[in-house]
Amino acid sequence: MLQPDLPTILILRHSAREEPSEMEKILKAPLTESGRQGAEEFGQKLPSTWSYTLHSSPVGRCKDTATHIQKGLETNQIEVKNKGIMDNLHYITVDPIPFMQIFSQEGMAFLRKRMDGQFPTNIIEPAINVAQRAAKEIKSHFTSQDPNNLNVYVTHDFQTILFLYFWGKIDAMTDWISYLNGFILQFSDSTLIFILNGKKIEVPYPDWWPNL
């Protein structure tokens, strides 16, 4: 399904985290023990045909997921570099107090409304800005990368869904993105090639992509 010799990346949600009862505590929720083990096993199962470069959101559970994936790769003597934090896998500009009020009130409806631009931009910046910033930084990685190296980006379910929506016009809200799931993305001359849940989806580049 993958096309050889095309720049390839993996966008991945972090491993299993604790489930706090209060919405406000989700940001700091750490990995569970099974989450740490699962991330290491994920690393052990990655193919040895690539070397790997890991990037993660600054949130602790994403950094820990990347660390445990690295351990799994190293168990199999696979070359891996951990580049550490990539802010654009998480960062958004918000007005903190009204943002948390909206986030707590909306729950799982928050992301759909955010992607549809239903919140004031002085409280939450437009979601497409987040998608474009991440794309710009990722683009700088794959344009210079070794074709035998796979960049892995450990982020969150919201960001993964947002990237699919604004990069590929792919709506992943129904199936959601489970722990240690995400999508592979390949870059051809004229199209973006997504591998999502075992399906190949090929779409033209967004009109803003060449200007990043």
N, C-alpha and C. Protein backbone atom coordinates (compact mmCIF):
# COMPACT_ATOMS: atom_id res chain seq x y z
N MET A 1 0.81 -1.21 0.00
CA MET A 1 0.00 0.00 0.00
C MET A 1 0.85 1.27 0.00
N LEU A 2 2.00 1.22 0.70
CA LEU A 2 2.90 2.37 0.70
C LEU A 2 3.68 2.42 -0.60
N GLN A 3 3.94 3.63 -1.08
CA GLN A 3 4.74 3.80 -2.28
C GLN A 3 6.20 4.03 -1.89
N PRO A 4 7.11 3.21 -2.39
CA PRO A 4 8.51 3.37 -2.02
C PRO A 4 9.08 4.68 -2.53
N ASP A 5 10.06 5.18 -1.79
CA ASP A 5 10.84 6.37 -2.18
C ASP A 5 10.06 7.68 -2.05
N LEU A 6 8.87 7.66 -1.48
CA LEU A 6 8.17 8.92 -1.18
C LEU A 6 8.43 9.30 0.28
N PRO A 7 8.61 10.59 0.56
CA PRO A 7 8.71 11.00 1.97
C PRO A 7 7.48 10.53 2.73
N THR A 8 7.70 9.98 3.91
CA THR A 8 6.63 9.33 4.68
C THR A 8 6.72 9.74 6.14
N ILE A 9 5.56 10.04 6.74
CA ILE A 9 5.52 10.35 8.17
C ILE A 9 4.40 9.56 8.82
N LEU A 10 4.45 9.50 10.15
CA LEU A 10 3.40 8.87 10.94
C LEU A 10 2.94 9.87 12.00
N ILE A 11 1.65 10.18 11.98
CA ILE A 11 1.03 11.01 13.02
C ILE A 11 0.31 10.05 13.96
N LEU A 12 0.60 10.14 15.25
CA LEU A 12 0.17 9.11 16.19
C LEU A 12 -0.39 9.74 17.47
N ARG A 13 -1.54 9.26 17.91
CA ARG A 13 -2.04 9.66 19.22
C ARG A 13 -1.22 8.95 20.30
N HIS A 14 -1.07 9.60 21.42
CA HIS A 14 -0.32 9.03 22.56
C HIS A 14 -0.97 7.72 23.04
N SER A 15 -0.27 7.03 23.92
CA SER A 15 -0.76 5.78 24.47
C SER A 15 -1.80 6.04 25.57
N ALA A 16 -2.31 4.96 26.17
CA ALA A 16 -3.42 5.05 27.12
C ALA A 16 -3.05 5.89 28.34
N ARG A 17 -3.94 6.82 28.68
CA ARG A 17 -3.74 7.72 29.82
C ARG A 17 -4.78 7.45 30.90
N GLU A 18 -4.52 8.02 32.06
CA GLU A 18 -5.50 7.97 33.13
C GLU A 18 -6.74 8.78 32.74
N GLU A 19 -7.87 8.49 33.35
CA GLU A 19 -9.15 9.12 33.03
C GLU A 19 -9.65 9.92 34.22
N PRO A 20 -9.20 11.17 34.36
CA PRO A 20 -9.67 11.98 35.49
C PRO A 20 -11.16 12.28 35.36
N SER A 21 -11.82 12.44 36.50
CA SER A 21 -13.26 12.71 36.48
C SER A 21 -13.57 14.15 36.09
N GLU A 22 -12.61 15.05 36.29
CA GLU A 22 -12.83 16.46 35.97
C GLU A 22 -12.14 16.81 34.65
N MET A 23 -12.88 17.44 33.75
CA MET A 23 -12.37 17.80 32.43
C MET A 23 -11.11 18.64 32.50
N GLU A 24 -11.04 19.52 33.51
CA GLU A 24 -9.90 20.43 33.63
C GLU A 24 -8.59 19.69 33.90
N LYS A 25 -8.66 18.46 34.39
CA LYS A 25 -7.45 17.72 34.75
C LYS A 25 -6.93 16.84 33.62
N ILE A 26 -7.63 16.81 32.50
CA ILE A 26 -7.24 15.92 31.41
C ILE A 26 -5.86 16.28 30.86
N LEU A 27 -5.56 17.59 30.78
CA LEU A 27 -4.30 18.01 30.17
C LEU A 27 -3.10 17.36 30.85
N LYS A 28 -3.16 17.22 32.16
CA LYS A 28 -2.01 16.69 32.89
C LYS A 28 -2.12 15.19 33.18
N ALA A 29 -3.14 14.53 32.64
CA ALA A 29 -3.31 13.10 32.92
C ALA A 29 -2.14 12.30 32.36
N PRO A 30 -1.46 11.51 33.20
CA PRO A 30 -0.29 10.75 32.72
C PRO A 30 -0.69 9.43 32.07
N LEU A 31 0.28 8.76 31.47
CA LEU A 31 0.05 7.42 30.96
C LEU A 31 -0.22 6.46 32.11
N THR A 32 -1.01 5.47 31.84
CA THR A 32 -1.16 4.35 32.76
C THR A 32 0.02 3.39 32.58
N GLU A 33 0.13 2.43 33.47
CA GLU A 33 1.18 1.43 33.32
C GLU A 33 0.98 0.65 32.03
N SER A 34 -0.27 0.30 31.72
CA SER A 34 -0.52 -0.42 30.46
C SER A 34 -0.21 0.48 29.27
N GLY A 35 -0.40 1.80 29.43
CA GLY A 35 -0.06 2.74 28.37
C GLY A 35 1.44 2.77 28.09
N ARG A 36 2.22 2.75 29.14
CA ARG A 36 3.68 2.73 28.96
C ARG A 36 4.12 1.43 28.29
N GLN A 37 3.56 0.33 28.76
CA GLN A 37 3.90 -0.97 28.17
C GLN A 37 3.45 -1.04 26.72
N GLY A 38 2.25 -0.53 26.45
CA GLY A 38 1.73 -0.56 25.09
C GLY A 38 2.59 0.23 24.12
N ALA A 39 3.11 1.39 24.58
CA ALA A 39 3.97 2.20 23.72
C ALA A 39 5.27 1.48 23.41
N GLU A 40 5.82 0.80 24.41
CA GLU A 40 7.06 0.06 24.18
C GLU A 40 6.82 -1.09 23.20
N GLU A 41 5.71 -1.78 23.37
CA GLU A 41 5.38 -2.87 22.45
C GLU A 41 5.14 -2.34 21.03
N PHE A 42 4.54 -1.17 20.95
CA PHE A 42 4.34 -0.54 19.64
C PHE A 42 5.68 -0.32 18.95
N GLY A 43 6.65 0.20 19.70
CA GLY A 43 7.98 0.42 19.15
C GLY A 43 8.64 -0.88 18.70
N GLN A 44 8.41 -1.94 19.45
CA GLN A 44 9.01 -3.23 19.10
C GLN A 44 8.43 -3.79 17.80
N LYS A 45 7.20 -3.40 17.48
CA LYS A 45 6.54 -3.94 16.29
C LYS A 45 6.76 -3.09 15.04
N LEU A 46 7.39 -1.94 15.17
CA LEU A 46 7.65 -1.12 13.99
C LEU A 46 8.67 -1.79 13.08
N PRO A 47 8.50 -1.69 11.78
CA PRO A 47 9.39 -2.41 10.86
C PRO A 47 10.82 -1.89 10.90
N SER A 48 11.75 -2.81 10.72
CA SER A 48 13.18 -2.47 10.77
C SER A 48 13.69 -1.94 9.43
N THR A 49 12.80 -1.79 8.45
CA THR A 49 13.21 -1.27 7.15
C THR A 49 13.49 0.23 7.20
N TRP A 50 13.04 0.90 8.24
CA TRP A 50 13.29 2.32 8.44
C TRP A 50 14.17 2.55 9.66
N SER A 51 14.82 3.70 9.68
CA SER A 51 15.25 4.29 10.94
C SER A 51 14.17 5.29 11.33
N TYR A 52 14.19 5.79 12.57
CA TYR A 52 13.08 6.59 13.06
C TYR A 52 13.56 7.87 13.75
N THR A 53 12.79 8.92 13.55
CA THR A 53 12.99 10.17 14.28
C THR A 53 11.68 10.51 14.98
N LEU A 54 11.73 10.67 16.30
CA LEU A 54 10.54 10.89 17.10
C LEU A 54 10.41 12.36 17.50
N HIS A 55 9.18 12.86 17.44
CA HIS A 55 8.83 14.21 17.89
C HIS A 55 7.58 14.07 18.75
N SER A 56 7.43 14.92 19.76
CA SER A 56 6.24 14.79 20.60
C SER A 56 5.70 16.14 21.04
N SER A 57 4.40 16.16 21.26
CA SER A 57 3.77 17.29 21.94
C SER A 57 4.45 17.52 23.28
N PRO A 58 4.45 18.75 23.80
CA PRO A 58 5.08 19.01 25.09
C PRO A 58 4.33 18.42 26.28
N VAL A 59 3.13 17.92 26.08
CA VAL A 59 2.36 17.34 27.18
C VAL A 59 3.01 16.02 27.61
N GLY A 60 3.06 15.82 28.92
CA GLY A 60 3.84 14.71 29.49
C GLY A 60 3.53 13.35 28.91
N ARG A 61 2.27 13.03 28.69
CA ARG A 61 1.93 11.69 28.20
C ARG A 61 2.43 11.45 26.78
N CYS A 62 2.55 12.53 26.00
CA CYS A 62 3.09 12.39 24.65
C CYS A 62 4.60 12.18 24.69
N LYS A 63 5.28 12.96 25.53
CA LYS A 63 6.73 12.78 25.69
C LYS A 63 7.03 11.37 26.19
N ASP A 64 6.24 10.89 27.15
CA ASP A 64 6.47 9.55 27.69
C ASP A 64 6.18 8.47 26.65
N THR A 65 5.15 8.69 25.83
CA THR A 65 4.86 7.73 24.76
C THR A 65 6.05 7.63 23.82
N ALA A 66 6.61 8.77 23.42
CA ALA A 66 7.76 8.76 22.52
C ALA A 66 8.95 8.04 23.16
N THR A 67 9.17 8.28 24.45
CA THR A 67 10.29 7.65 25.15
C THR A 67 10.14 6.14 25.16
N HIS A 68 8.92 5.65 25.40
CA HIS A 68 8.71 4.20 25.45
C HIS A 68 8.71 3.58 24.06
N ILE A 69 8.26 4.30 23.05
CA ILE A 69 8.42 3.81 21.68
C ILE A 69 9.90 3.66 21.35
N GLN A 70 10.69 4.64 21.77
CA GLN A 70 12.13 4.57 21.56
C GLN A 70 12.73 3.33 22.22
N LYS A 71 12.31 3.05 23.44
CA LYS A 71 12.81 1.85 24.12
C LYS A 71 12.48 0.59 23.33
N GLY A 72 11.26 0.53 22.81
CA GLY A 72 10.88 -0.63 22.02
C GLY A 72 11.70 -0.78 20.76
N LEU A 73 11.97 0.33 20.08
CA LEU A 73 12.80 0.29 18.88
C LEU A 73 14.22 -0.15 19.22
N GLU A 74 14.75 0.39 20.30
CA GLU A 74 16.12 0.05 20.67
C GLU A 74 16.25 -1.40 21.11
N THR A 75 15.17 -1.98 21.60
CA THR A 75 15.19 -3.40 21.94
C THR A 75 15.54 -4.24 20.71
N ASN A 76 15.08 -3.77 19.55
CA ASN A 76 15.35 -4.48 18.30
C ASN A 76 16.55 -3.91 17.54
N GLN A 77 17.36 -3.11 18.23
CA GLN A 77 18.57 -2.51 17.63
C GLN A 77 18.24 -1.70 16.37
N ILE A 78 17.09 -1.02 16.38
CA ILE A 78 16.71 -0.15 15.27
C ILE A 78 17.17 1.26 15.59
N GLU A 79 17.76 1.92 14.61
CA GLU A 79 18.26 3.27 14.81
C GLU A 79 17.11 4.23 15.06
N VAL A 80 17.21 5.04 16.11
CA VAL A 80 16.15 5.98 16.46
C VAL A 80 16.74 7.23 17.10
N LYS A 81 16.19 8.38 16.72
CA LYS A 81 16.55 9.64 17.34
C LYS A 81 15.28 10.24 17.93
N ASN A 82 15.39 10.74 19.17
CA ASN A 82 14.26 11.40 19.80
C ASN A 82 14.54 12.89 19.83
N LYS A 83 13.84 13.64 18.98
CA LYS A 83 14.05 15.08 18.88
C LYS A 83 13.35 15.86 19.99
N GLY A 84 12.53 15.17 20.78
CA GLY A 84 11.88 15.81 21.90
C GLY A 84 10.67 16.63 21.49
N ILE A 85 10.48 17.76 22.15
CA ILE A 85 9.25 18.53 22.05
C ILE A 85 9.12 19.25 20.71
N MET A 86 7.92 19.16 20.15
CA MET A 86 7.51 19.98 19.00
C MET A 86 6.23 20.70 19.41
N ASP A 87 6.34 21.97 19.73
CA ASP A 87 5.21 22.73 20.25
C ASP A 87 4.00 22.71 19.33
N ASN A 88 4.23 22.68 18.02
CA ASN A 88 3.13 22.76 17.07
C ASN A 88 2.29 21.49 17.00
N LEU A 89 2.65 20.47 17.79
CA LEU A 89 1.79 19.30 17.93
C LEU A 89 0.75 19.49 19.02
N HIS A 90 0.78 20.66 19.66
CA HIS A 90 -0.17 20.91 20.75
C HIS A 90 -0.63 22.36 20.84
N TYR A 91 0.26 23.29 20.57
CA TYR A 91 0.04 24.69 20.92
C TYR A 91 -1.14 25.32 20.17
N ILE A 92 -1.98 26.03 20.91
CA ILE A 92 -3.01 26.90 20.35
C ILE A 92 -3.03 28.17 21.18
N THR A 93 -3.40 29.27 20.54
CA THR A 93 -3.53 30.54 21.24
C THR A 93 -4.96 30.66 21.77
N VAL A 94 -5.09 30.81 23.09
CA VAL A 94 -6.41 30.91 23.71
C VAL A 94 -6.40 31.97 24.80
N ASP A 95 -7.59 32.42 25.13
CA ASP A 95 -7.80 33.21 26.33
C ASP A 95 -8.18 32.21 27.41
N PRO A 96 -7.28 31.91 28.37
CA PRO A 96 -7.40 30.70 29.20
C PRO A 96 -8.72 30.51 29.94
N ILE A 97 -9.21 31.55 30.61
CA ILE A 97 -10.39 31.36 31.46
C ILE A 97 -11.64 31.08 30.63
N PRO A 98 -11.99 31.94 29.65
CA PRO A 98 -13.18 31.59 28.85
C PRO A 98 -12.99 30.33 28.02
N PHE A 99 -11.75 30.03 27.62
CA PHE A 99 -11.49 28.79 26.88
C PHE A 99 -11.85 27.58 27.73
N MET A 100 -11.40 27.55 28.98
CA MET A 100 -11.69 26.40 29.85
C MET A 100 -13.17 26.30 30.14
N GLN A 101 -13.85 27.43 30.24
CA GLN A 101 -15.30 27.39 30.44
C GLN A 101 -16.00 26.74 29.25
N ILE A 102 -15.59 27.14 28.05
CA ILE A 102 -16.17 26.56 26.84
C ILE A 102 -15.85 25.07 26.74
N PHE A 103 -14.58 24.73 26.98
CA PHE A 103 -14.14 23.34 26.87
C PHE A 103 -14.91 22.45 27.84
N SER A 104 -15.09 22.92 29.07
CA SER A 104 -15.80 22.13 30.08
C SER A 104 -17.28 21.98 29.73
N GLN A 105 -17.88 23.02 29.20
CA GLN A 105 -19.30 22.99 28.87
C GLN A 105 -19.59 22.12 27.64
N GLU A 106 -18.73 22.18 26.66
CA GLU A 106 -19.01 21.52 25.38
C GLU A 106 -18.66 20.04 25.37
N GLY A 107 -17.66 19.63 26.15
CA GLY A 107 -17.26 18.23 26.15
C GLY A 107 -16.83 17.77 24.77
N MET A 108 -17.35 16.63 24.32
CA MET A 108 -16.91 16.06 23.06
C MET A 108 -17.42 16.84 21.85
N ALA A 109 -18.38 17.74 22.05
CA ALA A 109 -18.85 18.56 20.94
C ALA A 109 -17.88 19.70 20.62
N PHE A 110 -16.92 19.91 21.52
CA PHE A 110 -16.01 21.04 21.38
C PHE A 110 -15.26 21.02 20.05
N LEU A 111 -14.70 19.88 19.69
CA LEU A 111 -13.83 19.83 18.52
C LEU A 111 -14.60 20.11 17.24
N ARG A 112 -15.77 19.51 17.08
CA ARG A 112 -16.56 19.75 15.87
C ARG A 112 -16.89 21.24 15.73
N LYS A 113 -17.32 21.85 16.81
CA LYS A 113 -17.67 23.27 16.76
C LYS A 113 -16.43 24.11 16.49
N ARG A 114 -15.31 23.69 17.04
CA ARG A 114 -14.08 24.45 16.82
C ARG A 114 -13.65 24.37 15.36
N MET A 115 -13.70 23.18 14.78
CA MET A 115 -13.31 23.04 13.38
C MET A 115 -14.25 23.80 12.45
N ASP A 116 -15.51 23.94 12.88
CA ASP A 116 -16.49 24.67 12.08
C ASP A 116 -16.45 26.18 12.34
N GLY A 117 -15.53 26.62 13.20
CA GLY A 117 -15.36 28.05 13.45
C GLY A 117 -16.48 28.69 14.24
N GLN A 118 -17.03 27.94 15.21
CA GLN A 118 -18.18 28.43 15.96
C GLN A 118 -17.82 29.20 17.23
N PHE A 119 -16.53 29.31 17.54
CA PHE A 119 -16.13 30.03 18.75
C PHE A 119 -15.45 31.34 18.38
N PRO A 120 -15.57 32.36 19.22
CA PRO A 120 -14.93 33.65 18.93
C PRO A 120 -13.41 33.49 18.79
N THR A 121 -12.84 34.08 17.76
CA THR A 121 -11.40 33.93 17.51
C THR A 121 -10.56 34.68 18.54
N ASN A 122 -11.15 35.58 19.30
CA ASN A 122 -10.38 36.24 20.36
C ASN A 122 -10.27 35.35 21.60
N ILE A 123 -11.04 34.26 21.63
CA ILE A 123 -10.95 33.29 22.73
C ILE A 123 -10.16 32.06 22.29
N ILE A 124 -10.43 31.56 21.08
CA ILE A 124 -9.73 30.39 20.54
C ILE A 124 -9.36 30.70 19.10
N GLU A 125 -8.07 30.62 18.77
CA GLU A 125 -7.67 30.93 17.41
C GLU A 125 -8.27 29.93 16.42
N PRO A 126 -8.44 30.32 15.16
CA PRO A 126 -9.00 29.40 14.17
C PRO A 126 -8.20 28.10 14.07
N ALA A 127 -8.92 27.00 13.99
CA ALA A 127 -8.27 25.69 13.97
C ALA A 127 -7.35 25.51 12.78
N ILE A 128 -7.71 26.13 11.65
CA ILE A 128 -6.86 25.97 10.47
C ILE A 128 -5.46 26.54 10.71
N ASN A 129 -5.34 27.56 11.56
CA ASN A 129 -4.02 28.11 11.88
C ASN A 129 -3.13 27.04 12.50
N VAL A 130 -3.73 26.24 13.38
CA VAL A 130 -2.98 25.18 14.06
C VAL A 130 -2.52 24.14 13.04
N ALA A 131 -3.42 23.76 12.14
CA ALA A 131 -3.09 22.77 11.11
C ALA A 131 -1.99 23.28 10.19
N GLN A 132 -2.04 24.55 9.84
CA GLN A 132 -1.04 25.11 8.94
C GLN A 132 0.33 25.24 9.61
N ARG A 133 0.36 25.64 10.87
CA ARG A 133 1.65 25.74 11.57
C ARG A 133 2.34 24.39 11.67
N ALA A 134 1.56 23.37 12.04
CA ALA A 134 2.13 22.02 12.14
C ALA A 134 2.62 21.54 10.77
N ALA A 135 1.82 21.79 9.73
CA ALA A 135 2.20 21.36 8.38
C ALA A 135 3.50 22.04 7.94
N LYS A 136 3.64 23.31 8.26
CA LYS A 136 4.86 24.03 7.87
C LYS A 136 6.09 23.43 8.51
N GLU A 137 6.00 23.11 9.82
CA GLU A 137 7.17 22.54 10.50
C GLU A 137 7.46 21.13 10.00
N ILE A 138 6.41 20.34 9.83
CA ILE A 138 6.60 18.98 9.32
C ILE A 138 7.18 19.00 7.91
N LYS A 139 6.70 19.92 7.09
CA LYS A 139 7.22 20.05 5.73
C LYS A 139 8.72 20.31 5.74
N SER A 140 9.19 21.10 6.69
CA SER A 140 10.62 21.38 6.78
C SER A 140 11.41 20.13 7.14
N HIS A 141 10.77 19.18 7.82
CA HIS A 141 11.44 17.93 8.17
C HIS A 141 11.54 17.00 6.97
N PHE A 142 10.41 16.80 6.27
CA PHE A 142 10.44 15.76 5.23
C PHE A 142 11.16 16.22 3.97
N THR A 143 11.30 17.53 3.76
CA THR A 143 12.00 17.98 2.55
C THR A 143 13.49 17.68 2.61
N SER A 144 14.01 17.47 3.80
CA SER A 144 15.45 17.23 3.92
C SER A 144 15.76 15.85 4.50
N GLN A 145 14.75 15.03 4.72
CA GLN A 145 14.99 13.78 5.43
C GLN A 145 15.54 12.69 4.51
N ASP A 146 16.25 11.77 5.13
CA ASP A 146 16.70 10.56 4.47
C ASP A 146 15.45 9.75 4.08
N PRO A 147 15.34 9.28 2.84
CA PRO A 147 14.15 8.52 2.44
C PRO A 147 13.96 7.23 3.24
N ASN A 148 15.02 6.77 3.90
CA ASN A 148 14.91 5.57 4.72
C ASN A 148 14.60 5.89 6.18
N ASN A 149 14.31 7.17 6.46
CA ASN A 149 13.96 7.58 7.82
C ASN A 149 12.48 7.93 7.89
N LEU A 150 11.82 7.49 8.95
CA LEU A 150 10.41 7.80 9.17
C LEU A 150 10.29 8.74 10.36
N ASN A 151 9.73 9.92 10.13
CA ASN A 151 9.42 10.84 11.21
C ASN A 151 8.10 10.45 11.86
N VAL A 152 8.12 10.29 13.18
CA VAL A 152 6.93 9.92 13.95
C VAL A 152 6.58 11.10 14.85
N TYR A 153 5.31 11.53 14.80
CA TYR A 153 4.86 12.69 15.57
C TYR A 153 3.79 12.21 16.57
N VAL A 154 4.13 12.28 17.86
CA VAL A 154 3.21 11.82 18.91
C VAL A 154 2.42 13.02 19.41
N THR A 155 1.12 12.98 19.22
CA THR A 155 0.28 14.12 19.56
C THR A 155 -1.00 13.62 20.24
N HIS A 156 -2.11 14.30 20.02
CA HIS A 156 -3.37 14.05 20.73
C HIS A 156 -4.47 13.71 19.74
N ASP A 157 -5.58 13.18 20.26
CA ASP A 157 -6.70 12.84 19.37
C ASP A 157 -7.25 14.08 18.66
N PHE A 158 -7.43 15.18 19.41
CA PHE A 158 -7.96 16.39 18.79
C PHE A 158 -7.08 16.87 17.65
N GLN A 159 -5.77 16.91 17.88
CA GLN A 159 -4.87 17.39 16.84
C GLN A 159 -4.84 16.44 15.64
N THR A 160 -4.85 15.14 15.90
CA THR A 160 -4.83 14.17 14.80
C THR A 160 -6.06 14.32 13.92
N ILE A 161 -7.22 14.47 14.54
CA ILE A 161 -8.46 14.66 13.79
C ILE A 161 -8.43 15.98 13.04
N LEU A 162 -7.92 17.01 13.69
CA LEU A 162 -7.83 18.34 13.07
C LEU A 162 -6.92 18.31 11.84
N PHE A 163 -5.76 17.62 11.93
CA PHE A 163 -4.85 17.53 10.79
C PHE A 163 -5.52 16.81 9.62
N LEU A 164 -6.20 15.71 9.91
CA LEU A 164 -6.90 14.98 8.84
C LEU A 164 -7.92 15.88 8.16
N TYR A 165 -8.62 16.66 8.94
CA TYR A 165 -9.71 17.50 8.42
C TYR A 165 -9.18 18.62 7.53
N PHE A 166 -8.14 19.31 7.98
CA PHE A 166 -7.68 20.47 7.24
C PHE A 166 -6.61 20.14 6.19
N TRP A 167 -5.89 19.05 6.36
CA TRP A 167 -4.91 18.66 5.34
C TRP A 167 -5.57 17.85 4.22
N GLY A 168 -6.49 16.96 4.59
CA GLY A 168 -7.01 16.02 3.61
C GLY A 168 -8.50 16.00 3.41
N LYS A 169 -9.22 16.92 4.08
CA LYS A 169 -10.69 16.93 4.02
C LYS A 169 -11.26 15.58 4.44
N ILE A 170 -10.62 14.96 5.43
CA ILE A 170 -11.03 13.66 5.94
C ILE A 170 -11.67 13.86 7.31
N ASP A 171 -12.91 13.42 7.46
CA ASP A 171 -13.64 13.58 8.72
C ASP A 171 -13.47 12.30 9.54
N ALA A 172 -12.73 12.41 10.64
CA ALA A 172 -12.49 11.24 11.50
C ALA A 172 -13.24 11.34 12.82
N MET A 173 -14.27 12.21 12.86
CA MET A 173 -15.00 12.40 14.10
C MET A 173 -15.86 11.19 14.47
N THR A 174 -16.33 10.45 13.49
CA THR A 174 -17.24 9.33 13.78
C THR A 174 -16.50 8.17 14.43
N ASP A 175 -15.40 7.75 13.81
CA ASP A 175 -14.65 6.61 14.34
C ASP A 175 -13.70 7.01 15.47
N TRP A 176 -13.39 8.29 15.56
CA TRP A 176 -12.45 8.83 16.54
C TRP A 176 -11.06 8.23 16.32
N ILE A 177 -10.12 8.64 17.12
CA ILE A 177 -8.74 8.16 17.03
C ILE A 177 -8.38 7.52 18.37
N SER A 178 -8.19 6.23 18.38
CA SER A 178 -7.90 5.52 19.62
C SER A 178 -6.43 5.68 20.00
N TYR A 179 -6.10 5.24 21.21
CA TYR A 179 -4.71 5.32 21.67
C TYR A 179 -3.78 4.57 20.72
N LEU A 180 -2.62 5.16 20.46
CA LEU A 180 -1.60 4.58 19.59
C LEU A 180 -2.14 4.30 18.19
N ASN A 181 -3.09 5.11 17.78
CA ASN A 181 -3.60 5.04 16.41
C ASN A 181 -3.39 6.41 15.77
N GLY A 182 -3.54 6.47 14.48
CA GLY A 182 -3.33 7.72 13.78
C GLY A 182 -3.34 7.46 12.28
N PHE A 183 -2.40 8.07 11.58
CA PHE A 183 -2.36 7.86 10.13
C PHE A 183 -0.94 8.01 9.60
N ILE A 184 -0.67 7.30 8.52
CA ILE A 184 0.56 7.47 7.75
C ILE A 184 0.27 8.45 6.64
N LEU A 185 1.23 9.29 6.33
CA LEU A 185 1.05 10.26 5.25
C LEU A 185 2.28 10.24 4.36
N GLN A 186 2.05 10.08 3.06
CA GLN A 186 3.11 10.15 2.07
C GLN A 186 2.89 11.36 1.17
N PHE A 187 4.00 11.91 0.67
CA PHE A 187 3.97 13.14 -0.10
C PHE A 187 4.45 12.87 -1.52
N SER A 188 3.50 12.84 -2.47
CA SER A 188 3.89 12.73 -3.87
C SER A 188 4.00 14.14 -4.46
N ASP A 189 4.32 14.24 -5.73
CA ASP A 189 4.48 15.56 -6.34
C ASP A 189 3.17 16.35 -6.35
N SER A 190 2.05 15.65 -6.52
CA SER A 190 0.78 16.37 -6.71
C SER A 190 -0.29 16.05 -5.68
N THR A 191 -0.06 15.03 -4.87
CA THR A 191 -1.10 14.62 -3.91
C THR A 191 -0.52 14.25 -2.56
N LEU A 192 -1.39 14.32 -1.56
CA LEU A 192 -1.13 13.75 -0.25
C LEU A 192 -1.78 12.38 -0.20
N ILE A 193 -1.04 11.39 0.27
CA ILE A 193 -1.55 10.02 0.31
C ILE A 193 -1.66 9.59 1.78
N PHE A 194 -2.89 9.46 2.24
CA PHE A 194 -3.16 9.08 3.63
C PHE A 194 -3.41 7.58 3.70
N ILE A 195 -2.84 6.95 4.72
CA ILE A 195 -3.19 5.57 5.06
C ILE A 195 -3.84 5.63 6.43
N LEU A 196 -5.15 5.40 6.48
CA LEU A 196 -5.95 5.55 7.69
C LEU A 196 -6.80 4.31 7.89
N ASN A 197 -6.59 3.61 9.01
CA ASN A 197 -7.35 2.40 9.30
C ASN A 197 -7.31 1.40 8.15
N GLY A 198 -6.12 1.27 7.55
CA GLY A 198 -5.93 0.29 6.49
C GLY A 198 -6.45 0.72 5.13
N LYS A 199 -6.96 1.95 5.02
CA LYS A 199 -7.47 2.44 3.75
C LYS A 199 -6.56 3.53 3.20
N LYS A 200 -6.43 3.54 1.89
CA LYS A 200 -5.61 4.55 1.21
C LYS A 200 -6.52 5.65 0.67
N ILE A 201 -6.19 6.88 1.02
CA ILE A 201 -6.98 8.04 0.58
C ILE A 201 -6.01 9.04 -0.03
N GLU A 202 -6.19 9.33 -1.31
CA GLU A 202 -5.28 10.24 -2.03
C GLU A 202 -6.04 11.51 -2.39
N VAL A 203 -5.50 12.66 -1.98
CA VAL A 203 -6.19 13.93 -2.19
C VAL A 203 -5.19 14.97 -2.70
N PRO A 204 -5.67 15.99 -3.42
CA PRO A 204 -4.77 17.08 -3.82
C PRO A 204 -4.28 17.84 -2.58
N TYR A 205 -3.13 18.48 -2.73
CA TYR A 205 -2.65 19.34 -1.66
C TYR A 205 -3.64 20.48 -1.43
N PRO A 206 -3.84 20.91 -0.18
CA PRO A 206 -4.64 22.12 0.05
C PRO A 206 -4.04 23.30 -0.71
N ASP A 207 -4.87 24.25 -1.09
CA ASP A 207 -4.36 25.35 -1.90
C ASP A 207 -3.34 26.21 -1.16
N TRP A 208 -3.34 26.15 0.18
CA TRP A 208 -2.38 26.94 0.96
C TRP A 208 -1.05 26.22 1.17
N TRP A 209 -0.98 24.93 0.89
CA TRP A 209 0.21 24.15 1.21
C TRP A 209 1.49 24.65 0.51
N PRO A 210 1.47 24.97 -0.79
CA PRO A 210 2.71 25.41 -1.45
C PRO A 210 3.28 26.69 -0.88
N ASN A 211 2.45 27.48 -0.20
CA ASN A 211 2.91 28.77 0.33
C ASN A 211 3.46 28.70 1.74
N LEU A 212 3.50 27.50 2.33
CA LEU A 212 4.02 27.37 3.69
C LEU A 212 5.50 27.71 3.75
